[in-house]
Amino acid sequence: MEATAKNNTWLVFLALGALLLIALLAMPLELPPLGQVKPRAHAVERHGEDAVAARKAVLTCGDGLRAQFCPRTSVHGPSVAFWCETGGFLCPGMYLTLGGVEKTCFTRPCEQWRKCND
């Protein structure tokens, strides 16, 4: 009976490992180009014209464009922050899902974009 329990335990671990591998292979390996980002109403509803201006600034940023992978937090899942380094204290930016859907966009201190502060 004990051998059967050990075999079942290994089967469970093997099945979980296979599911994890499938999930990792299904994740996107790169974000779509910023021009193909799917905007959502949340940013404008929450941040108004600041969101519209930040979105436009990021999409037309040029050489100042930066990106940072932001791991899962206690509130939000993993995301990518894109922001435009302006050379000043404030930078326009946006958070995207790994699939390229906009979570939100606004202007905030550049240092917060660099550290993925939610």
Protein backbone atom coordinates (compact mmCIF):
# COMPACT_ATOMS: atom_id res chain seq x y z
CA MET A 1 0.00 0.00 0.00
CA GLU A 2 2.88 2.38 0.85
CA ALA A 3 4.45 1.90 -2.61
CA THR A 4 1.16 2.86 -4.27
CA ALA A 5 0.99 6.09 -2.23
CA LYS A 6 4.56 7.01 -3.25
CA ASN A 7 3.74 6.30 -6.91
CA ASN A 8 0.62 8.50 -6.67
CA THR A 9 2.67 11.31 -5.13
CA TRP A 10 5.15 11.17 -8.01
CA LEU A 11 2.30 11.16 -10.52
CA VAL A 12 0.83 14.28 -8.91
CA PHE A 13 4.21 16.07 -9.03
CA LEU A 14 4.72 14.98 -12.64
CA ALA A 15 1.27 16.24 -13.62
CA LEU A 16 1.83 19.57 -11.87
CA GLY A 17 5.21 19.94 -13.57
CA ALA A 18 3.63 19.25 -16.96
CA LEU A 19 0.91 21.86 -16.30
CA LEU A 20 3.51 24.42 -15.26
CA LEU A 21 5.54 23.76 -18.41
CA ILE A 22 2.45 24.15 -20.59
CA ALA A 23 1.58 27.44 -18.85
CA LEU A 24 5.11 28.78 -19.36
CA LEU A 25 5.10 27.84 -23.03
CA ALA A 26 1.75 29.55 -23.54
CA MET A 27 2.97 32.91 -22.15
CA PRO A 28 3.85 35.57 -24.71
CA LEU A 29 7.60 35.91 -25.17
CA GLU A 30 7.51 39.55 -26.20
CA LEU A 31 5.11 42.42 -26.10
CA PRO A 32 3.41 43.65 -29.25
CA PRO A 33 4.68 46.96 -30.63
CA LEU A 34 3.40 49.95 -28.66
CA GLY A 35 1.31 50.96 -31.67
CA GLN A 36 -0.69 47.75 -31.23
CA VAL A 37 -1.41 48.25 -27.50
CA LYS A 38 -5.08 47.79 -26.73
CA PRO A 39 -6.15 50.87 -24.74
CA ARG A 40 -8.87 50.55 -22.12
CA ALA A 41 -11.27 53.09 -20.65
CA HIS A 42 -9.90 52.68 -17.10
CA ALA A 43 -6.99 55.09 -17.58
CA VAL A 44 -9.15 57.95 -18.83
CA GLU A 45 -11.89 57.24 -16.28
CA ARG A 46 -9.37 57.32 -13.44
CA HIS A 47 -6.83 59.91 -14.60
CA GLY A 48 -8.72 62.01 -17.18
CA GLU A 49 -6.73 64.14 -19.60
CA ASP A 50 -3.49 63.15 -17.85
CA ALA A 51 -4.02 59.62 -19.17
CA VAL A 52 -4.63 60.83 -22.71
CA ALA A 53 -1.53 63.04 -22.61
CA ALA A 54 0.62 60.30 -21.02
CA ARG A 55 -0.49 57.72 -23.60
CA LYS A 56 0.34 60.09 -26.47
CA ALA A 57 3.71 61.01 -24.95
CA VAL A 58 4.75 57.35 -24.53
CA LEU A 59 3.65 56.39 -28.05
CA THR A 60 5.63 59.28 -29.58
CA CYS A 61 8.57 59.29 -27.13
CA GLY A 62 11.48 58.29 -29.33
CA ASP A 63 14.90 57.77 -27.71
CA GLY A 64 13.67 58.46 -24.17
CA LEU A 65 11.37 55.43 -24.13
CA ARG A 66 12.12 53.01 -21.30
CA ALA A 67 10.55 49.71 -20.24
CA GLN A 68 10.69 47.68 -17.05
CA PHE A 69 9.19 44.26 -16.25
CA CYS A 70 7.20 44.52 -13.04
CA PRO A 71 6.64 41.22 -11.22
CA ARG A 72 3.36 40.36 -9.59
CA THR A 73 2.47 42.46 -6.57
CA SER A 74 -0.06 41.72 -3.85
CA VAL A 75 -2.64 43.72 -5.81
CA HIS A 76 -1.75 43.39 -9.49
CA GLY A 77 -0.43 40.62 -11.69
CA PRO A 78 2.83 40.91 -13.63
CA SER A 79 3.01 43.84 -16.02
CA VAL A 80 5.41 45.98 -18.01
CA ALA A 81 5.90 49.68 -17.36
CA PHE A 82 6.69 51.89 -20.35
CA TRP A 83 7.59 55.50 -19.71
CA CYS A 84 9.24 58.41 -21.45
CA GLU A 85 12.31 59.83 -19.71
CA THR A 86 11.81 63.57 -19.97
CA GLY A 87 14.97 64.72 -18.21
CA GLY A 88 12.79 66.23 -15.51
CA PHE A 89 11.17 65.00 -12.32
CA LEU A 90 7.89 63.81 -13.89
CA CYS A 91 7.55 61.22 -16.66
CA PRO A 92 4.48 60.09 -18.58
CA GLY A 93 4.04 56.33 -18.66
CA MET A 94 1.76 53.32 -18.85
CA TYR A 95 1.39 49.86 -17.40
CA LEU A 96 0.57 47.02 -19.80
CA THR A 97 -0.33 43.39 -19.30
CA LEU A 98 2.08 40.87 -20.77
CA GLY A 99 -0.42 40.44 -23.61
CA GLY A 100 -0.21 44.13 -24.56
CA VAL A 101 -3.45 45.37 -22.97
CA GLU A 102 -3.20 48.75 -21.28
CA LYS A 103 -3.79 48.60 -17.53
CA THR A 104 -3.47 52.36 -16.97
CA CYS A 105 -1.43 55.40 -17.92
CA PHE A 106 -0.60 58.67 -16.17
CA THR A 107 2.24 61.02 -15.27
CA ARG A 108 4.25 60.46 -12.10
CA PRO A 109 7.80 60.89 -10.75
CA CYS A 110 10.23 59.12 -13.08
CA GLU A 111 11.81 57.23 -10.18
CA GLN A 112 8.50 55.47 -9.49
CA TRP A 113 8.37 54.14 -13.07
CA ARG A 114 11.93 52.87 -12.72
CA LYS A 115 11.07 50.94 -9.54
CA CYS A 116 7.66 49.63 -10.62
CA ASN A 117 5.92 51.37 -7.71
CA ASP A 118 2.19 50.77 -8.01
